[in-house]
Amino acid sequence: MSSIEADPMSPLRTPVVHITTHNASGKAIIHSSNDKPLAPYSGMRVSHKLVYTSNGLPMDLNDEVDVKAHKEIEESGNLNIVKKGGTVCRVVDFAPGNKSMMHRTQSLDFGVVLSGQIVMELDDGSKTLMKESDVAVQRATMHTWKNPSETEWARLLFVLQDSKPLEVGGQRLKEDISEGHGVFPSSGNDA
């Protein structure tokens, strides 16, 4: 096994998250910066970093309500793939040759390729090669991600937004992360 296969941690640069706010006179300032490294998902060759979470729309930015709510979620470590009633933004790095499980979340997701390439495969068997700066708009569909490179890591930025229950052809399509239940707790937003 090569060192890349054995190492679940991404060698890509750690992204720094800068959160802004306002001073007493209304001027923009940096509230905080987070340079914590990415963390591995247990048993997978994938690393991730939480960027930000939010509650509902429109957002309440007064008195840093959103920042306080995000910090509580971040410090609790209790965040599912999707945040019920809100949004989740995270950076995810995929090891060379890594393929995620086939899954669906009850959410509208934006997946932006920041580095490398990724193959988006849908449950109809179609595969789409996405390159740097390409964007996938996932609308609660069954999908998987595969890094096609045998040597380079791939990095994506994901923004997941809770959505209403989805029905197609009279069938309710619920969250499906069956293979990942040991790693990803149910989002609980499709009840």
N, C-alpha and C. Protein backbone atom coordinates (compact mmCIF):
# COMPACT_ATOMS: atom_id res chain seq x y z
N MET A 1 0.84 -1.17 0.00
CA MET A 1 0.00 0.00 0.00
C MET A 1 0.89 1.24 0.00
N SER A 2 0.63 2.18 -0.90
CA SER A 2 1.46 3.38 -0.96
C SER A 2 1.12 4.30 0.21
N SER A 3 1.98 5.30 0.45
CA SER A 3 1.73 6.22 1.55
C SER A 3 0.47 7.04 1.32
N ILE A 4 0.13 7.33 0.05
CA ILE A 4 -1.11 8.06 -0.23
C ILE A 4 -2.31 7.21 0.14
N GLU A 5 -2.28 5.90 -0.20
CA GLU A 5 -3.39 5.02 0.13
C GLU A 5 -3.53 4.86 1.64
N ALA A 6 -2.42 4.85 2.35
CA ALA A 6 -2.46 4.63 3.79
C ALA A 6 -2.82 5.90 4.55
N ASP A 7 -2.61 7.06 3.98
CA ASP A 7 -2.80 8.33 4.68
C ASP A 7 -4.17 8.92 4.33
N PRO A 8 -5.11 8.95 5.31
CA PRO A 8 -6.43 9.52 5.02
C PRO A 8 -6.44 11.04 5.04
N MET A 9 -5.32 11.65 5.41
CA MET A 9 -5.28 13.10 5.48
C MET A 9 -4.79 13.71 4.18
N SER A 10 -5.47 14.72 3.76
CA SER A 10 -5.14 15.39 2.52
C SER A 10 -3.84 16.19 2.65
N PRO A 11 -3.00 16.15 1.62
CA PRO A 11 -1.79 16.97 1.62
C PRO A 11 -2.04 18.39 1.09
N LEU A 12 -3.28 18.67 0.67
CA LEU A 12 -3.58 20.00 0.14
C LEU A 12 -3.52 21.03 1.26
N ARG A 13 -3.24 22.26 0.89
CA ARG A 13 -3.13 23.36 1.85
C ARG A 13 -4.40 23.48 2.69
N THR A 14 -4.23 23.71 3.98
CA THR A 14 -5.37 23.92 4.86
C THR A 14 -6.03 25.26 4.54
N PRO A 15 -7.33 25.24 4.20
CA PRO A 15 -8.01 26.51 3.94
C PRO A 15 -8.26 27.26 5.25
N VAL A 16 -8.06 28.55 5.22
CA VAL A 16 -8.33 29.40 6.39
C VAL A 16 -9.68 30.06 6.16
N VAL A 17 -10.55 29.97 7.17
CA VAL A 17 -11.89 30.55 7.09
C VAL A 17 -11.87 31.87 7.86
N HIS A 18 -12.22 32.95 7.17
CA HIS A 18 -12.28 34.28 7.79
C HIS A 18 -13.74 34.71 7.89
N ILE A 19 -14.20 34.99 9.12
CA ILE A 19 -15.57 35.43 9.35
C ILE A 19 -15.53 36.92 9.64
N THR A 20 -16.36 37.67 8.92
CA THR A 20 -16.40 39.12 9.10
C THR A 20 -17.55 39.54 10.00
N THR A 21 -17.46 40.77 10.49
CA THR A 21 -18.52 41.39 11.27
C THR A 21 -18.37 42.91 11.15
N HIS A 22 -18.93 43.65 12.08
CA HIS A 22 -18.84 45.12 12.06
C HIS A 22 -18.38 45.63 13.40
N ASN A 23 -17.65 46.74 13.39
CA ASN A 23 -17.32 47.39 14.65
C ASN A 23 -18.47 48.31 15.04
N ALA A 24 -18.34 49.00 16.15
CA ALA A 24 -19.42 49.84 16.66
C ALA A 24 -19.83 50.96 15.70
N SER A 25 -18.92 51.38 14.82
CA SER A 25 -19.26 52.44 13.87
C SER A 25 -19.78 51.88 12.54
N GLY A 26 -19.93 50.57 12.44
CA GLY A 26 -20.48 49.97 11.23
C GLY A 26 -19.46 49.60 10.18
N LYS A 27 -18.17 49.76 10.49
CA LYS A 27 -17.12 49.38 9.55
C LYS A 27 -16.89 47.87 9.60
N ALA A 28 -16.60 47.28 8.45
CA ALA A 28 -16.33 45.85 8.38
C ALA A 28 -14.99 45.51 9.03
N ILE A 29 -14.99 44.44 9.82
CA ILE A 29 -13.78 43.95 10.46
C ILE A 29 -13.80 42.41 10.43
N ILE A 30 -12.65 41.81 10.68
CA ILE A 30 -12.57 40.36 10.81
C ILE A 30 -13.01 39.99 12.23
N HIS A 31 -14.00 39.13 12.31
CA HIS A 31 -14.46 38.63 13.60
C HIS A 31 -13.51 37.55 14.12
N SER A 32 -13.19 36.60 13.23
CA SER A 32 -12.31 35.50 13.61
C SER A 32 -11.79 34.80 12.37
N SER A 33 -10.69 34.09 12.54
CA SER A 33 -10.11 33.29 11.46
C SER A 33 -9.85 31.90 12.01
N ASN A 34 -10.15 30.88 11.20
CA ASN A 34 -10.02 29.50 11.62
C ASN A 34 -9.05 28.79 10.69
N ASP A 35 -7.92 28.38 11.23
CA ASP A 35 -6.94 27.65 10.41
C ASP A 35 -6.78 26.21 10.86
N LYS A 36 -7.83 25.67 11.51
CA LYS A 36 -7.79 24.27 11.93
C LYS A 36 -7.65 23.38 10.70
N PRO A 37 -6.85 22.32 10.80
CA PRO A 37 -6.67 21.42 9.65
C PRO A 37 -7.93 20.61 9.36
N LEU A 38 -7.98 20.05 8.17
CA LEU A 38 -9.06 19.16 7.82
C LEU A 38 -8.97 17.91 8.69
N ALA A 39 -10.09 17.26 8.89
CA ALA A 39 -10.14 16.04 9.69
C ALA A 39 -10.59 14.88 8.80
N PRO A 40 -10.09 13.68 9.07
CA PRO A 40 -10.53 12.53 8.25
C PRO A 40 -11.92 12.07 8.67
N TYR A 41 -12.70 11.57 7.70
CA TYR A 41 -13.93 10.85 8.03
C TYR A 41 -13.50 9.44 8.41
N SER A 42 -14.02 8.93 9.48
CA SER A 42 -13.64 7.63 10.01
C SER A 42 -13.79 6.53 8.96
N GLY A 43 -12.70 5.78 8.72
CA GLY A 43 -12.72 4.65 7.82
C GLY A 43 -12.74 5.00 6.34
N MET A 44 -12.60 6.28 6.01
CA MET A 44 -12.63 6.70 4.61
C MET A 44 -11.35 7.42 4.27
N ARG A 45 -11.06 7.53 2.99
CA ARG A 45 -9.90 8.28 2.52
C ARG A 45 -10.38 9.65 2.04
N VAL A 46 -11.03 10.34 2.96
CA VAL A 46 -11.64 11.65 2.69
C VAL A 46 -11.37 12.53 3.90
N SER A 47 -10.98 13.77 3.66
CA SER A 47 -10.79 14.75 4.73
C SER A 47 -11.80 15.86 4.55
N HIS A 48 -12.18 16.51 5.64
CA HIS A 48 -13.19 17.57 5.54
C HIS A 48 -12.94 18.67 6.56
N LYS A 49 -13.48 19.84 6.25
CA LYS A 49 -13.41 20.98 7.17
C LYS A 49 -14.72 21.73 7.10
N LEU A 50 -15.32 21.96 8.24
CA LEU A 50 -16.53 22.75 8.32
C LEU A 50 -16.17 24.22 8.10
N VAL A 51 -16.86 24.86 7.17
CA VAL A 51 -16.63 26.28 6.90
C VAL A 51 -17.60 27.12 7.71
N TYR A 52 -18.92 26.83 7.56
CA TYR A 52 -19.92 27.62 8.26
C TYR A 52 -21.26 26.92 8.22
N THR A 53 -22.12 27.23 9.18
CA THR A 53 -23.50 26.74 9.21
C THR A 53 -24.41 27.94 9.41
N SER A 54 -25.67 27.76 9.03
CA SER A 54 -26.64 28.84 9.25
C SER A 54 -27.99 28.24 9.60
N ASN A 55 -28.85 29.08 10.15
CA ASN A 55 -30.21 28.70 10.51
C ASN A 55 -31.20 29.51 9.71
N GLY A 56 -32.07 28.85 8.96
CA GLY A 56 -33.20 29.49 8.30
C GLY A 56 -32.86 30.63 7.36
N LEU A 57 -33.90 31.09 6.67
CA LEU A 57 -33.80 32.23 5.76
C LEU A 57 -34.97 33.16 6.01
N PRO A 58 -34.81 34.46 5.95
CA PRO A 58 -33.52 35.15 5.79
C PRO A 58 -32.69 35.03 7.07
N MET A 59 -31.41 35.15 6.91
CA MET A 59 -30.48 35.04 8.03
C MET A 59 -30.60 36.25 8.95
N ASP A 60 -30.43 36.00 10.25
CA ASP A 60 -30.40 37.08 11.24
C ASP A 60 -28.93 37.31 11.59
N LEU A 61 -28.37 38.43 11.12
CA LEU A 61 -26.98 38.77 11.37
C LEU A 61 -26.83 39.75 12.54
N ASN A 62 -27.94 40.19 13.12
CA ASN A 62 -27.91 41.14 14.22
C ASN A 62 -27.28 40.53 15.47
N ASP A 63 -26.50 41.33 16.16
CA ASP A 63 -25.87 40.91 17.41
C ASP A 63 -25.11 39.59 17.27
N GLU A 64 -24.64 39.29 16.05
CA GLU A 64 -23.86 38.09 15.76
C GLU A 64 -24.59 36.80 16.15
N VAL A 65 -25.93 36.82 16.02
CA VAL A 65 -26.74 35.64 16.32
C VAL A 65 -26.25 34.45 15.50
N ASP A 66 -25.98 34.68 14.22
CA ASP A 66 -25.54 33.59 13.35
C ASP A 66 -24.18 33.04 13.75
N VAL A 67 -23.26 33.93 14.12
CA VAL A 67 -21.92 33.50 14.52
C VAL A 67 -22.00 32.65 15.78
N LYS A 68 -22.80 33.11 16.74
CA LYS A 68 -22.95 32.37 18.00
C LYS A 68 -23.55 30.98 17.75
N ALA A 69 -24.57 30.91 16.89
CA ALA A 69 -25.20 29.62 16.59
C ALA A 69 -24.22 28.69 15.89
N HIS A 70 -23.43 29.24 14.96
CA HIS A 70 -22.43 28.43 14.27
C HIS A 70 -21.38 27.91 15.25
N LYS A 71 -20.89 28.77 16.12
CA LYS A 71 -19.86 28.35 17.08
C LYS A 71 -20.38 27.23 17.99
N GLU A 72 -21.67 27.31 18.38
CA GLU A 72 -22.26 26.25 19.21
C GLU A 72 -22.25 24.92 18.47
N ILE A 73 -22.66 24.95 17.20
CA ILE A 73 -22.66 23.72 16.39
C ILE A 73 -21.24 23.20 16.23
N GLU A 74 -20.31 24.09 15.89
CA GLU A 74 -18.92 23.70 15.66
C GLU A 74 -18.31 23.07 16.91
N GLU A 75 -18.53 23.69 18.06
CA GLU A 75 -17.94 23.21 19.30
C GLU A 75 -18.59 21.92 19.78
N SER A 76 -19.87 21.72 19.46
CA SER A 76 -20.57 20.50 19.89
C SER A 76 -20.09 19.28 19.11
N GLY A 77 -19.61 19.52 17.88
CA GLY A 77 -19.22 18.40 17.02
C GLY A 77 -20.40 17.58 16.55
N ASN A 78 -21.60 18.08 16.78
CA ASN A 78 -22.83 17.35 16.48
C ASN A 78 -23.50 17.96 15.24
N LEU A 79 -22.93 17.67 14.07
CA LEU A 79 -23.48 18.19 12.83
C LEU A 79 -23.59 17.05 11.82
N ASN A 80 -24.77 16.91 11.27
CA ASN A 80 -25.02 15.88 10.27
C ASN A 80 -24.63 16.41 8.90
N ILE A 81 -24.84 15.61 7.86
CA ILE A 81 -24.50 16.05 6.52
C ILE A 81 -25.27 17.33 6.19
N VAL A 82 -26.58 17.32 6.49
CA VAL A 82 -27.44 18.48 6.24
C VAL A 82 -27.88 19.03 7.59
N LYS A 83 -28.01 20.33 7.70
CA LYS A 83 -28.50 20.96 8.93
C LYS A 83 -29.99 21.25 8.75
N LYS A 84 -30.80 20.58 9.54
CA LYS A 84 -32.25 20.77 9.46
C LYS A 84 -32.58 22.26 9.64
N GLY A 85 -33.30 22.81 8.66
CA GLY A 85 -33.71 24.21 8.74
C GLY A 85 -32.60 25.20 8.43
N GLY A 86 -31.47 24.73 7.89
CA GLY A 86 -30.38 25.66 7.65
C GLY A 86 -29.47 25.23 6.51
N THR A 87 -28.25 25.72 6.54
CA THR A 87 -27.26 25.40 5.52
C THR A 87 -25.96 24.94 6.19
N VAL A 88 -25.19 24.20 5.41
CA VAL A 88 -23.86 23.76 5.84
C VAL A 88 -22.91 24.01 4.68
N CYS A 89 -21.77 24.62 4.98
CA CYS A 89 -20.72 24.81 3.98
C CYS A 89 -19.49 24.09 4.50
N ARG A 90 -18.91 23.21 3.65
CA ARG A 90 -17.71 22.49 4.06
C ARG A 90 -16.79 22.26 2.86
N VAL A 91 -15.52 22.08 3.16
CA VAL A 91 -14.51 21.70 2.17
C VAL A 91 -14.28 20.21 2.36
N VAL A 92 -14.24 19.47 1.24
CA VAL A 92 -14.03 18.02 1.30
C VAL A 92 -12.94 17.65 0.30
N ASP A 93 -11.94 16.92 0.79
CA ASP A 93 -10.83 16.45 -0.04
C ASP A 93 -10.95 14.94 -0.24
N PHE A 94 -10.83 14.49 -1.49
CA PHE A 94 -10.94 13.08 -1.85
C PHE A 94 -9.56 12.55 -2.25
N ALA A 95 -9.15 11.45 -1.64
CA ALA A 95 -7.87 10.82 -1.95
C ALA A 95 -7.87 10.29 -3.38
N PRO A 96 -6.68 10.11 -3.96
CA PRO A 96 -6.59 9.54 -5.31
C PRO A 96 -7.35 8.22 -5.39
N GLY A 97 -8.15 8.07 -6.44
CA GLY A 97 -8.90 6.84 -6.66
C GLY A 97 -10.07 6.61 -5.74
N ASN A 98 -10.31 7.53 -4.80
CA ASN A 98 -11.37 7.33 -3.81
C ASN A 98 -12.75 7.53 -4.43
N LYS A 99 -13.67 6.66 -4.05
CA LYS A 99 -15.07 6.79 -4.49
C LYS A 99 -15.95 6.78 -3.26
N SER A 100 -16.85 7.77 -3.17
CA SER A 100 -17.77 7.83 -2.03
C SER A 100 -18.89 6.83 -2.22
N MET A 101 -19.65 6.63 -1.17
CA MET A 101 -20.82 5.76 -1.27
C MET A 101 -21.90 6.46 -2.10
N MET A 102 -22.78 5.68 -2.70
CA MET A 102 -23.94 6.24 -3.39
C MET A 102 -24.87 6.76 -2.29
N HIS A 103 -25.32 8.00 -2.42
CA HIS A 103 -26.14 8.59 -1.36
C HIS A 103 -27.05 9.69 -1.90
N ARG A 104 -28.05 10.01 -1.07
CA ARG A 104 -28.95 11.13 -1.37
C ARG A 104 -29.23 11.85 -0.04
N THR A 105 -29.22 13.16 -0.09
CA THR A 105 -29.64 13.96 1.05
C THR A 105 -30.86 14.76 0.64
N GLN A 106 -31.71 15.07 1.60
CA GLN A 106 -32.86 15.92 1.32
C GLN A 106 -32.38 17.36 1.41
N SER A 107 -31.81 17.81 0.29
CA SER A 107 -31.21 19.13 0.27
C SER A 107 -30.91 19.56 -1.15
N LEU A 108 -30.72 20.85 -1.30
CA LEU A 108 -30.21 21.44 -2.54
C LEU A 108 -28.75 21.75 -2.28
N ASP A 109 -27.86 21.12 -3.06
CA ASP A 109 -26.43 21.23 -2.81
C ASP A 109 -25.71 21.85 -3.99
N PHE A 110 -24.72 22.67 -3.68
CA PHE A 110 -23.81 23.19 -4.70
C PHE A 110 -22.45 22.58 -4.40
N GLY A 111 -21.87 21.89 -5.39
CA GLY A 111 -20.55 21.30 -5.25
C GLY A 111 -19.61 21.94 -6.25
N VAL A 112 -18.59 22.64 -5.78
CA VAL A 112 -17.66 23.37 -6.63
C VAL A 112 -16.30 22.70 -6.57
N VAL A 113 -15.75 22.33 -7.73
CA VAL A 113 -14.42 21.72 -7.76
C VAL A 113 -13.39 22.84 -7.62
N LEU A 114 -12.62 22.77 -6.54
CA LEU A 114 -11.59 23.77 -6.29
C LEU A 114 -10.22 23.32 -6.78
N SER A 115 -9.97 22.01 -6.72
CA SER A 115 -8.67 21.48 -7.11
C SER A 115 -8.84 20.07 -7.63
N GLY A 116 -8.13 19.74 -8.70
CA GLY A 116 -8.19 18.41 -9.26
C GLY A 116 -9.43 18.19 -10.10
N GLN A 117 -9.86 16.93 -10.17
CA GLN A 117 -11.05 16.56 -10.93
C GLN A 117 -11.86 15.58 -10.10
N ILE A 118 -13.16 15.51 -10.40
CA ILE A 118 -14.05 14.57 -9.72
C ILE A 118 -15.05 14.05 -10.74
N VAL A 119 -15.43 12.80 -10.61
CA VAL A 119 -16.47 12.23 -11.45
C VAL A 119 -17.75 12.17 -10.62
N MET A 120 -18.80 12.80 -11.12
CA MET A 120 -20.11 12.72 -10.50
C MET A 120 -20.88 11.61 -11.21
N GLU A 121 -21.26 10.58 -10.45
CA GLU A 121 -22.02 9.48 -11.03
C GLU A 121 -23.41 9.48 -10.40
N LEU A 122 -24.43 9.37 -11.24
CA LEU A 122 -25.81 9.32 -10.78
C LEU A 122 -26.31 7.89 -10.80
N ASP A 123 -27.43 7.63 -10.12
CA ASP A 123 -27.91 6.25 -10.03
C ASP A 123 -28.48 5.71 -11.34
N ASP A 124 -28.57 6.54 -12.37
CA ASP A 124 -28.94 6.02 -13.69
C ASP A 124 -27.72 5.49 -14.44
N GLY A 125 -26.54 5.58 -13.81
CA GLY A 125 -25.30 5.10 -14.41
C GLY A 125 -24.51 6.16 -15.14
N SER A 126 -25.08 7.36 -15.32
CA SER A 126 -24.36 8.41 -16.04
C SER A 126 -23.20 8.93 -15.19
N LYS A 127 -22.10 9.28 -15.88
CA LYS A 127 -20.90 9.80 -15.22
C LYS A 127 -20.50 11.09 -15.90
N THR A 128 -20.20 12.10 -15.09
CA THR A 128 -19.80 13.40 -15.60
C THR A 128 -18.46 13.79 -14.97
N LEU A 129 -17.45 14.02 -15.82
CA LEU A 129 -16.16 14.47 -15.32
C LEU A 129 -16.22 15.97 -15.07
N MET A 130 -15.95 16.36 -13.84
CA MET A 130 -15.94 17.76 -13.47
C MET A 130 -14.51 18.20 -13.21
N LYS A 131 -14.16 19.37 -13.77
CA LYS A 131 -12.81 19.91 -13.62
C LYS A 131 -12.86 21.16 -12.75
N GLU A 132 -11.67 21.70 -12.42
CA GLU A 132 -11.59 22.88 -11.57
C GLU A 132 -12.54 23.97 -12.05
N SER A 133 -13.28 24.53 -11.13
CA SER A 133 -14.27 25.61 -11.27
C SER A 133 -15.62 25.13 -11.79
N ASP A 134 -15.77 23.83 -12.11
CA ASP A 134 -17.08 23.30 -12.48
C ASP A 134 -17.95 23.20 -11.23
N VAL A 135 -19.27 23.32 -11.43
CA VAL A 135 -20.23 23.32 -10.33
C VAL A 135 -21.32 22.27 -10.59
N ALA A 136 -21.61 21.46 -9.59
CA ALA A 136 -22.74 20.54 -9.64
C ALA A 136 -23.84 21.12 -8.77
N VAL A 137 -25.06 21.13 -9.28
CA VAL A 137 -26.23 21.51 -8.50
C VAL A 137 -27.00 20.22 -8.25
N GLN A 138 -26.82 19.66 -7.07
CA GLN A 138 -27.45 18.40 -6.68
C GLN A 138 -28.82 18.71 -6.08
N ARG A 139 -29.86 18.19 -6.69
CA ARG A 139 -31.23 18.44 -6.25
C ARG A 139 -31.83 17.18 -5.65
N ALA A 140 -31.28 16.75 -4.50
CA ALA A 140 -31.75 15.57 -3.77
C ALA A 140 -31.69 14.31 -4.63
N THR A 141 -30.65 14.20 -5.47
CA THR A 141 -30.50 13.02 -6.33
C THR A 141 -29.51 12.03 -5.72
N MET A 142 -29.67 10.75 -6.09
CA MET A 142 -28.71 9.72 -5.68
C MET A 142 -27.45 9.91 -6.50
N HIS A 143 -26.31 9.98 -5.82
CA HIS A 143 -25.06 10.25 -6.52
C HIS A 143 -23.87 9.73 -5.72
N THR A 144 -22.74 9.68 -6.40
CA THR A 144 -21.48 9.34 -5.76
C THR A 144 -20.40 10.22 -6.40
N TRP A 145 -19.30 10.39 -5.68
CA TRP A 145 -18.16 11.18 -6.18
C TRP A 145 -16.97 10.25 -6.28
N LYS A 146 -16.21 10.36 -7.37
CA LYS A 146 -14.99 9.56 -7.51
C LYS A 146 -13.86 10.45 -8.02
N ASN A 147 -12.73 10.39 -7.31
CA ASN A 147 -11.53 11.07 -7.77
C ASN A 147 -10.88 10.15 -8.79
N PRO A 148 -10.84 10.55 -10.09
CA PRO A 148 -10.30 9.65 -11.12
C PRO A 148 -8.77 9.59 -11.15
N SER A 149 -8.11 10.49 -10.46
CA SER A 149 -6.65 10.51 -10.48
C SER A 149 -6.10 9.40 -9.58
N GLU A 150 -5.01 8.79 -10.01
CA GLU A 150 -4.34 7.78 -9.19
C GLU A 150 -3.25 8.40 -8.32
N THR A 151 -2.97 9.71 -8.51
CA THR A 151 -1.87 10.34 -7.78
C THR A 151 -2.24 11.64 -7.07
N GLU A 152 -3.25 12.36 -7.53
CA GLU A 152 -3.56 13.69 -6.99
C GLU A 152 -4.86 13.69 -6.19
N TRP A 153 -4.88 14.45 -5.11
CA TRP A 153 -6.10 14.65 -4.34
C TRP A 153 -7.01 15.63 -5.08
N ALA A 154 -8.32 15.56 -4.82
CA ALA A 154 -9.29 16.50 -5.36
C ALA A 154 -9.97 17.21 -4.20
N ARG A 155 -10.25 18.50 -4.37
CA ARG A 155 -10.92 19.29 -3.32
C ARG A 155 -12.19 19.90 -3.88
N LEU A 156 -13.28 19.74 -3.13
CA LEU A 156 -14.56 20.36 -3.48
C LEU A 156 -15.06 21.20 -2.32
N LEU A 157 -15.79 22.25 -2.66
CA LEU A 157 -16.50 23.07 -1.68
C LEU A 157 -17.97 22.72 -1.84
N PHE A 158 -18.63 22.34 -0.75
CA PHE A 158 -20.05 21.99 -0.78
C PHE A 158 -20.84 22.96 0.08
N VAL A 159 -21.98 23.40 -0.46
CA VAL A 159 -22.96 24.15 0.31
C VAL A 159 -24.26 23.36 0.22
N LEU A 160 -24.74 22.86 1.36
CA LEU A 160 -25.96 22.07 1.42
C LEU A 160 -27.04 22.87 2.13
N GLN A 161 -28.20 22.97 1.48
CA GLN A 161 -29.33 23.71 2.03
C GLN A 161 -30.50 22.76 2.24
N ASP A 162 -31.04 22.75 3.43
CA ASP A 162 -32.20 21.92 3.74
C ASP A 162 -33.31 22.22 2.72
N SER A 163 -34.07 21.19 2.35
CA SER A 163 -35.16 21.39 1.40
C SER A 163 -36.43 20.71 1.90
N LYS A 164 -37.53 21.06 1.29
CA LYS A 164 -38.79 20.40 1.59
C LYS A 164 -38.73 18.97 1.08
N PRO A 165 -39.58 18.08 1.60
CA PRO A 165 -39.61 16.70 1.11
C PRO A 165 -39.87 16.68 -0.40
N LEU A 166 -39.23 15.71 -1.06
CA LEU A 166 -39.32 15.60 -2.52
C LEU A 166 -40.14 14.38 -2.91
N GLU A 167 -41.08 14.59 -3.83
CA GLU A 167 -41.85 13.50 -4.40
C GLU A 167 -41.65 13.50 -5.90
N VAL A 168 -41.39 12.30 -6.44
CA VAL A 168 -41.25 12.13 -7.89
C VAL A 168 -42.12 10.95 -8.29
N GLY A 169 -43.05 11.19 -9.19
CA GLY A 169 -43.95 10.12 -9.65
C GLY A 169 -44.74 9.49 -8.52
N GLY A 170 -45.13 10.29 -7.53
CA GLY A 170 -45.90 9.79 -6.40
C GLY A 170 -45.07 9.07 -5.35
N GLN A 171 -43.76 9.01 -5.53
CA GLN A 171 -42.87 8.34 -4.58
C GLN A 171 -42.09 9.37 -3.79
N ARG A 172 -42.09 9.23 -2.48
CA ARG A 172 -41.33 10.10 -1.59
C ARG A 172 -39.87 9.65 -1.59
N LEU A 173 -38.96 10.53 -2.00
CA LEU A 173 -37.53 10.22 -2.04
C LEU A 173 -36.86 10.79 -0.79
N LYS A 174 -36.53 9.91 0.14
CA LYS A 174 -35.94 10.33 1.41
C LYS A 174 -34.41 10.28 1.37
N GLU A 175 -33.81 10.83 2.40
CA GLU A 175 -32.36 10.74 2.56
C GLU A 175 -31.96 9.27 2.55
N ASP A 176 -30.84 8.97 1.89
CA ASP A 176 -30.35 7.60 1.81
C ASP A 176 -28.83 7.62 1.93
N ILE A 177 -28.35 7.33 3.13
CA ILE A 177 -26.91 7.25 3.38
C ILE A 177 -26.59 5.89 4.01
N SER A 178 -27.31 4.86 3.56
CA SER A 178 -27.25 3.55 4.19
C SER A 178 -25.83 3.04 4.43
N GLU A 179 -24.96 3.16 3.45
CA GLU A 179 -23.59 2.67 3.62
C GLU A 179 -22.77 3.54 4.57
N GLY A 180 -23.22 4.76 4.83
CA GLY A 180 -22.44 5.67 5.64
C GLY A 180 -22.99 5.92 7.03
N HIS A 181 -23.96 5.10 7.48
CA HIS A 181 -24.57 5.37 8.79
C HIS A 181 -23.57 5.35 9.94
N GLY A 182 -22.52 4.58 9.85
CA GLY A 182 -21.54 4.57 10.93
C GLY A 182 -20.71 5.84 10.99
N VAL A 183 -20.67 6.57 9.88
CA VAL A 183 -19.87 7.79 9.80
C VAL A 183 -20.76 9.03 9.82
N PHE A 184 -21.87 8.98 9.08
CA PHE A 184 -22.77 10.13 8.95
C PHE A 184 -24.10 9.84 9.62
N PRO A 185 -24.39 10.47 10.75
CA PRO A 185 -25.70 10.26 11.35
C PRO A 185 -26.78 10.87 10.46
N SER A 186 -27.99 10.31 10.55
CA SER A 186 -29.10 10.81 9.76
C SER A 186 -29.30 12.30 10.02
N SER A 187 -29.61 13.04 8.96
CA SER A 187 -29.83 14.47 9.10
C SER A 187 -31.13 14.78 9.83
N GLY A 188 -32.08 13.84 9.79
CA GLY A 188 -33.33 14.05 10.51
C GLY A 188 -34.22 15.11 9.91
N ASN A 189 -33.96 15.50 8.68
CA ASN A 189 -34.75 16.56 8.07
C ASN A 189 -35.78 16.02 7.09
N ASP A 190 -35.93 14.69 6.98
CA ASP A 190 -36.88 14.15 6.01
C ASP A 190 -38.04 13.41 6.69
N ALA A 191 -38.27 13.73 7.94
CA ALA A 191 -39.37 13.08 8.69
C ALA A 191 -40.71 13.63 8.27
